[in-house]
Amino acid sequence: MVSLTLGLAGQGVRLELAPTLAPVLLQQDPLAHFAVDAPLAYTVRLSLAGGTHPAPAPGAEQVVYGADGVDFELAQVTGRLDRRRRLLVAEIRQVEQAAYGLRRLLMYLGQLIALEAGGILLRSAGIVLDGRGFACFGPSGAGKTTLMHLALAAHLPVLGDEAVLLIPQGGDWFVHSFPYWEPGVCQRRTQAKPLAAPLAGLLRLVQASAHALHPLSPGSLLLRLLDTENVPLTTAADSQRWLDICAGLTQQIPGYDLEFRPDQGVWQTLHELNGRY
């Protein structure tokens, strides 16, 4: 097995990769750049399924939640996350699916690690502007990928294209980068290690004909977060904890509807927002 460690909000996830998978996954930019020395939180043991291992039919994927873990039967990967042993053992169905399968597994681990730290994994893009971080969320088609391409063109640090970790630290909230991006999207990176920044705002993206910010009340912001597609949790207690954390987050961090068109003028709007604090 080939072993390396990824950083998730200061915690380590050790990957133990079968020799057949290691050459493919080690070519992925996030894996190459996110090897860190961090306290170990979980181990992921990943191998290639032997023989014929048919994938579930479209719409028939299964994720079975229990008090001690999660059983996966996904299109790309099958396996089990054992929370007590802090071990995820999985098989990738095909080498070509390794990158996407690993990314899906890391989403589940990231959610658990965030909860253990009193935070959440948010299905969101993330950027850093003037040293302050923004989590930019919304449904499919809201413009997360568009905004990431604009950020990369402006040479802004990007924390993720579809997931970030929001973690409280010392009474403040920070947004942390996620170590694996959507395959084929925003592959060009602007940093060579995990990044974090003070969380300045939660932005619900709305593609429009002009740039504008509309402040949200904590209640409206919470409803928008609840309406965002997020990673399901293992237990009802975890789900309640996620909800409680979101409720506290919206009381501390300002939220906005960000209307934007796909041009660099959006950054001036956010510069002006930063100038208010």
Protein backbone atom coordinates (compact mmCIF):
# COMPACT_ATOMS: atom_id res chain seq x y z
CA MET A 1 0.00 0.00 0.00
CA VAL A 2 1.08 3.58 -0.67
CA SER A 3 0.37 5.93 2.23
CA LEU A 4 0.05 9.70 2.50
CA THR A 5 -1.89 12.16 4.65
CA LEU A 6 -4.39 14.81 3.62
CA GLY A 7 -5.23 17.79 5.79
CA LEU A 8 -8.85 18.55 6.69
CA ALA A 9 -9.17 21.63 8.92
CA GLY A 10 -5.99 20.75 10.79
CA GLN A 11 -6.84 17.05 11.09
CA GLY A 12 -5.15 14.29 9.12
CA VAL A 13 -6.79 11.68 6.91
CA ARG A 14 -4.33 8.94 6.07
CA LEU A 15 -4.85 7.39 2.64
CA GLU A 16 -3.65 3.84 2.17
CA LEU A 17 -3.81 3.22 -1.57
CA ALA A 18 -3.47 -0.06 -3.43
CA PRO A 19 -0.54 -0.04 -5.90
CA THR A 20 -3.00 -0.20 -8.82
CA LEU A 21 -4.70 3.01 -7.66
CA ALA A 22 -1.76 5.01 -6.34
CA PRO A 23 -0.29 6.09 -9.73
CA VAL A 24 -3.68 7.40 -10.84
CA LEU A 25 -4.56 9.25 -7.64
CA LEU A 26 -1.09 10.65 -7.04
CA GLN A 27 -1.32 12.45 -10.38
CA GLN A 28 -4.26 14.43 -9.02
CA ASP A 29 -3.15 17.92 -8.07
CA PRO A 30 -5.01 18.11 -4.73
CA LEU A 31 -3.42 14.89 -3.49
CA ALA A 32 0.06 15.99 -4.48
CA HIS A 33 -0.28 19.32 -2.68
CA PHE A 34 -2.23 18.37 0.39
CA ALA A 35 0.22 15.95 1.99
CA VAL A 36 0.62 17.34 5.51
CA ASP A 37 1.78 16.37 8.98
CA ALA A 38 -1.38 16.57 11.10
CA PRO A 39 -3.01 14.69 14.03
CA LEU A 40 -4.61 11.58 12.56
CA ALA A 41 -8.43 11.61 12.54
CA TYR A 42 -9.35 8.79 10.13
CA THR A 43 -7.74 6.22 7.87
CA VAL A 44 -9.04 5.47 4.36
CA ARG A 45 -7.98 2.11 2.90
CA LEU A 46 -8.72 2.08 -0.81
CA SER A 47 -8.33 -0.84 -3.22
CA LEU A 48 -9.54 -1.83 -6.68
CA ALA A 49 -12.48 -4.22 -6.84
CA GLY A 50 -11.48 -7.60 -8.26
CA GLY A 51 -13.43 -9.44 -10.95
CA THR A 52 -16.85 -8.28 -12.04
CA HIS A 53 -18.42 -5.94 -9.54
CA PRO A 54 -21.55 -4.48 -11.14
CA ALA A 55 -22.47 -0.95 -10.19
CA PRO A 56 -25.98 -0.21 -8.94
CA ALA A 57 -28.47 0.83 -11.59
CA PRO A 58 -29.08 4.59 -12.00
CA GLY A 59 -31.09 5.80 -9.03
CA ALA A 60 -30.31 2.66 -7.01
CA GLU A 61 -27.27 3.87 -5.08
CA GLN A 62 -27.50 3.05 -1.40
CA VAL A 63 -26.04 4.68 1.69
CA VAL A 64 -27.13 2.87 4.87
CA TYR A 65 -26.58 4.80 8.10
CA GLY A 66 -26.10 3.21 11.50
CA ALA A 67 -24.95 4.26 14.93
CA ASP A 68 -21.44 2.92 14.29
CA GLY A 69 -20.93 3.83 10.67
CA VAL A 70 -22.05 4.03 7.08
CA ASP A 71 -22.29 1.36 4.36
CA PHE A 72 -21.81 2.65 0.80
CA GLU A 73 -23.03 1.15 -2.45
CA LEU A 74 -22.30 3.93 -4.95
CA ALA A 75 -21.77 4.02 -8.68
CA GLN A 76 -18.00 4.46 -8.28
CA VAL A 77 -17.22 2.85 -4.93
CA THR A 78 -18.48 0.40 -2.35
CA GLY A 79 -17.37 0.08 1.26
CA ARG A 80 -17.92 0.87 4.94
CA LEU A 81 -17.02 3.68 7.28
CA ASP A 82 -16.50 2.40 10.84
CA ARG A 83 -16.72 5.39 13.17
CA ARG A 84 -15.58 3.53 16.29
CA ARG A 85 -12.40 2.32 14.61
CA ARG A 86 -12.10 5.59 12.63
CA LEU A 87 -11.50 3.54 9.52
CA LEU A 88 -13.03 3.64 6.05
CA VAL A 89 -12.41 0.57 3.87
CA ALA A 90 -13.60 0.82 0.28
CA GLU A 91 -13.19 -0.63 -3.20
CA ILE A 92 -13.16 1.44 -6.38
CA ARG A 93 -15.02 -0.29 -9.19
CA GLN A 94 -12.78 0.97 -12.00
CA VAL A 95 -9.46 2.80 -12.05
CA GLU A 96 -11.03 5.57 -14.13
CA GLN A 97 -13.49 6.24 -11.29
CA ALA A 98 -10.88 6.50 -8.55
CA ALA A 99 -10.67 10.30 -8.33
CA TYR A 100 -14.41 10.87 -8.19
CA GLY A 101 -14.99 7.94 -5.83
CA LEU A 102 -12.37 9.19 -3.38
CA ARG A 103 -13.83 12.67 -3.49
CA ARG A 104 -17.26 11.36 -2.49
CA LEU A 105 -15.79 9.43 0.42
CA LEU A 106 -13.85 12.47 1.63
CA MET A 107 -17.08 14.46 1.67
CA TYR A 108 -18.51 12.10 4.31
CA LEU A 109 -15.30 12.17 6.34
CA GLY A 110 -15.06 15.94 6.10
CA GLN A 111 -18.58 16.30 7.46
CA LEU A 112 -17.78 14.11 10.48
CA ILE A 113 -14.46 15.83 11.18
CA ALA A 114 -16.13 19.23 10.99
CA LEU A 115 -18.90 18.17 13.38
CA GLU A 116 -16.36 16.86 15.87
CA ALA A 117 -14.77 20.34 15.82
CA GLY A 118 -18.13 22.10 16.26
CA GLY A 119 -18.38 23.08 12.60
CA ILE A 120 -19.85 21.91 9.31
CA LEU A 121 -18.85 20.93 5.81
CA LEU A 122 -20.82 23.18 3.46
CA ARG A 123 -21.46 22.33 -0.18
CA SER A 124 -20.07 25.65 -1.27
CA ALA A 125 -17.35 27.33 -3.25
CA GLY A 126 -14.79 29.28 -1.23
CA ILE A 127 -12.59 32.29 -1.98
CA VAL A 128 -10.25 34.60 -0.07
CA LEU A 129 -10.45 38.34 -0.72
CA ASP A 130 -8.45 40.93 1.25
CA GLY A 131 -7.42 38.17 3.65
CA ARG A 132 -11.04 37.27 4.49
CA GLY A 133 -12.89 34.16 3.40
CA PHE A 134 -16.31 33.81 1.80
CA ALA A 135 -18.39 30.67 1.43
CA CYS A 136 -20.45 30.94 -1.75
CA PHE A 137 -23.32 28.47 -1.89
CA GLY A 138 -26.48 27.79 -3.84
CA PRO A 139 -28.26 25.09 -5.83
CA SER A 140 -26.82 23.51 -8.96
CA GLY A 141 -26.60 26.20 -11.62
CA ALA A 142 -26.36 29.08 -9.12
CA GLY A 143 -22.87 29.95 -10.34
CA LYS A 144 -20.33 28.31 -7.99
CA THR A 145 -18.14 27.07 -10.83
CA THR A 146 -18.51 30.35 -12.73
CA LEU A 147 -17.37 32.30 -9.67
CA MET A 148 -14.40 29.97 -9.19
CA HIS A 149 -13.23 30.55 -12.75
CA LEU A 150 -13.52 34.31 -12.20
CA ALA A 151 -11.50 33.99 -8.98
CA LEU A 152 -8.78 31.95 -10.66
CA ALA A 153 -8.59 34.48 -13.51
CA ALA A 154 -8.15 37.22 -10.88
CA HIS A 155 -5.42 35.17 -9.11
CA LEU A 156 -7.43 35.01 -5.89
CA PRO A 157 -6.83 32.15 -3.43
CA VAL A 158 -9.55 29.54 -3.91
CA LEU A 159 -10.57 27.28 -1.02
CA GLY A 160 -12.70 24.85 -3.01
CA ASP A 161 -15.06 24.64 -5.93
CA GLU A 162 -17.88 22.71 -4.24
CA ALA A 163 -17.04 22.13 -0.58
CA VAL A 164 -15.43 24.03 2.28
CA LEU A 165 -15.12 23.39 6.01
CA LEU A 166 -16.50 26.03 8.41
CA ILE A 167 -14.85 25.64 11.83
CA PRO A 168 -15.07 27.79 15.00
CA GLN A 169 -11.71 28.70 16.51
CA GLY A 170 -11.15 30.93 19.54
CA GLY A 171 -14.59 32.51 19.35
CA ASP A 172 -14.36 33.24 15.61
CA TRP A 173 -15.30 31.26 12.52
CA PHE A 174 -12.81 30.20 9.85
CA VAL A 175 -13.35 28.77 6.40
CA HIS A 176 -10.94 25.95 5.48
CA SER A 177 -10.07 24.57 2.08
CA PHE A 178 -11.25 21.13 1.00
CA PRO A 179 -8.51 18.92 -0.48
CA TYR A 180 -10.32 17.50 -3.46
CA TRP A 181 -12.12 19.33 -6.22
CA GLU A 182 -14.71 18.25 -8.75
CA PRO A 183 -12.80 16.25 -11.41
CA GLY A 184 -12.47 18.30 -14.58
CA VAL A 185 -13.50 21.57 -12.91
CA CYS A 186 -11.11 24.34 -11.81
CA GLN A 187 -8.10 22.05 -11.91
CA ARG A 188 -5.64 24.94 -11.82
CA ARG A 189 -4.74 25.64 -8.19
CA THR A 190 -3.61 28.90 -6.63
CA GLN A 191 -2.00 27.39 -3.53
CA ALA A 192 0.23 24.45 -2.63
CA LYS A 193 -1.06 23.64 0.87
CA PRO A 194 -4.29 23.75 2.89
CA LEU A 195 -5.58 27.28 3.40
CA ALA A 196 -7.85 28.90 5.96
CA ALA A 197 -9.15 32.43 6.41
CA PRO A 198 -11.47 34.26 8.84
CA LEU A 199 -15.02 33.77 7.62
CA ALA A 200 -16.36 37.16 6.53
CA GLY A 201 -19.67 36.14 5.02
CA LEU A 202 -22.00 33.49 3.66
CA LEU A 203 -23.07 34.32 0.13
CA ARG A 204 -25.99 32.67 -1.62
CA LEU A 205 -25.22 33.01 -5.32
CA VAL A 206 -27.78 34.26 -7.82
CA GLN A 207 -26.73 34.81 -11.44
CA ALA A 208 -28.17 38.12 -12.62
CA SER A 209 -27.60 41.01 -15.04
CA ALA A 210 -25.90 43.24 -12.47
CA HIS A 211 -23.85 42.96 -9.27
CA ALA A 212 -25.72 43.51 -6.01
CA LEU A 213 -25.69 42.39 -2.38
CA HIS A 214 -28.88 41.93 -0.38
CA PRO A 215 -28.44 41.41 3.40
CA LEU A 216 -30.23 38.44 4.94
CA SER A 217 -31.63 38.12 8.44
CA PRO A 218 -30.26 35.18 10.46
CA GLY A 219 -33.55 33.34 9.95
CA SER A 220 -33.53 33.86 6.18
CA LEU A 221 -29.89 32.81 6.00
CA LEU A 222 -30.61 29.65 7.97
CA LEU A 223 -33.46 28.74 5.62
CA ARG A 224 -31.15 29.17 2.64
CA LEU A 225 -28.51 26.95 4.25
CA LEU A 226 -31.13 24.30 4.96
CA ASP A 227 -32.21 24.48 1.32
CA THR A 228 -28.66 23.75 0.15
CA GLU A 229 -27.77 20.20 -0.87
CA ASN A 230 -25.44 18.86 1.79
CA VAL A 231 -23.86 15.56 2.80
CA PRO A 232 -26.28 13.31 4.72
CA LEU A 233 -25.21 12.45 8.27
CA THR A 234 -24.86 9.12 10.02
CA THR A 235 -27.32 9.54 12.87
CA ALA A 236 -30.30 11.65 13.91
CA ALA A 237 -28.12 13.11 16.67
CA ASP A 238 -25.56 14.24 14.07
CA SER A 239 -28.31 15.84 12.00
CA GLN A 240 -29.59 17.73 15.03
CA ARG A 241 -26.06 18.84 15.84
CA TRP A 242 -25.59 20.07 12.26
CA LEU A 243 -28.81 22.07 12.53
CA ASP A 244 -27.80 23.57 15.89
CA ILE A 245 -24.39 24.55 14.53
CA CYS A 246 -25.98 26.19 11.48
CA ALA A 247 -28.36 28.13 13.72
CA GLY A 248 -25.44 29.43 15.78
CA LEU A 249 -23.39 30.20 12.68
CA THR A 250 -26.12 32.38 11.17
CA GLN A 251 -26.27 34.41 14.38
CA GLN A 252 -22.55 35.21 14.17
CA ILE A 253 -21.75 35.48 10.47
CA PRO A 254 -23.53 37.88 8.09
CA GLY A 255 -25.29 36.45 5.08
CA TYR A 256 -26.22 37.93 1.73
CA ASP A 257 -27.85 37.11 -1.54
CA LEU A 258 -25.07 37.92 -4.02
CA GLU A 259 -26.43 38.74 -7.45
CA PHE A 260 -23.63 38.70 -10.00
CA ARG A 261 -22.91 38.50 -13.68
CA PRO A 262 -19.89 36.58 -15.03
CA ASP A 263 -17.31 39.37 -15.08
CA GLN A 264 -14.60 40.68 -12.76
CA GLY A 265 -16.81 43.48 -11.43
CA VAL A 266 -18.10 41.09 -8.78
CA TRP A 267 -14.88 41.57 -6.78
CA GLN A 268 -15.46 45.31 -6.40
CA THR A 269 -18.82 44.52 -4.82
CA LEU A 270 -17.10 42.23 -2.31
CA HIS A 271 -14.25 44.70 -1.70
CA GLU A 272 -16.91 47.23 -0.68
CA LEU A 273 -18.48 44.65 1.65
CA ASN A 274 -15.10 43.99 3.28
CA GLY A 275 -14.66 47.73 3.75
CA ARG A 276 -17.69 47.87 6.02
CA TYR A 277 -16.02 45.74 8.70
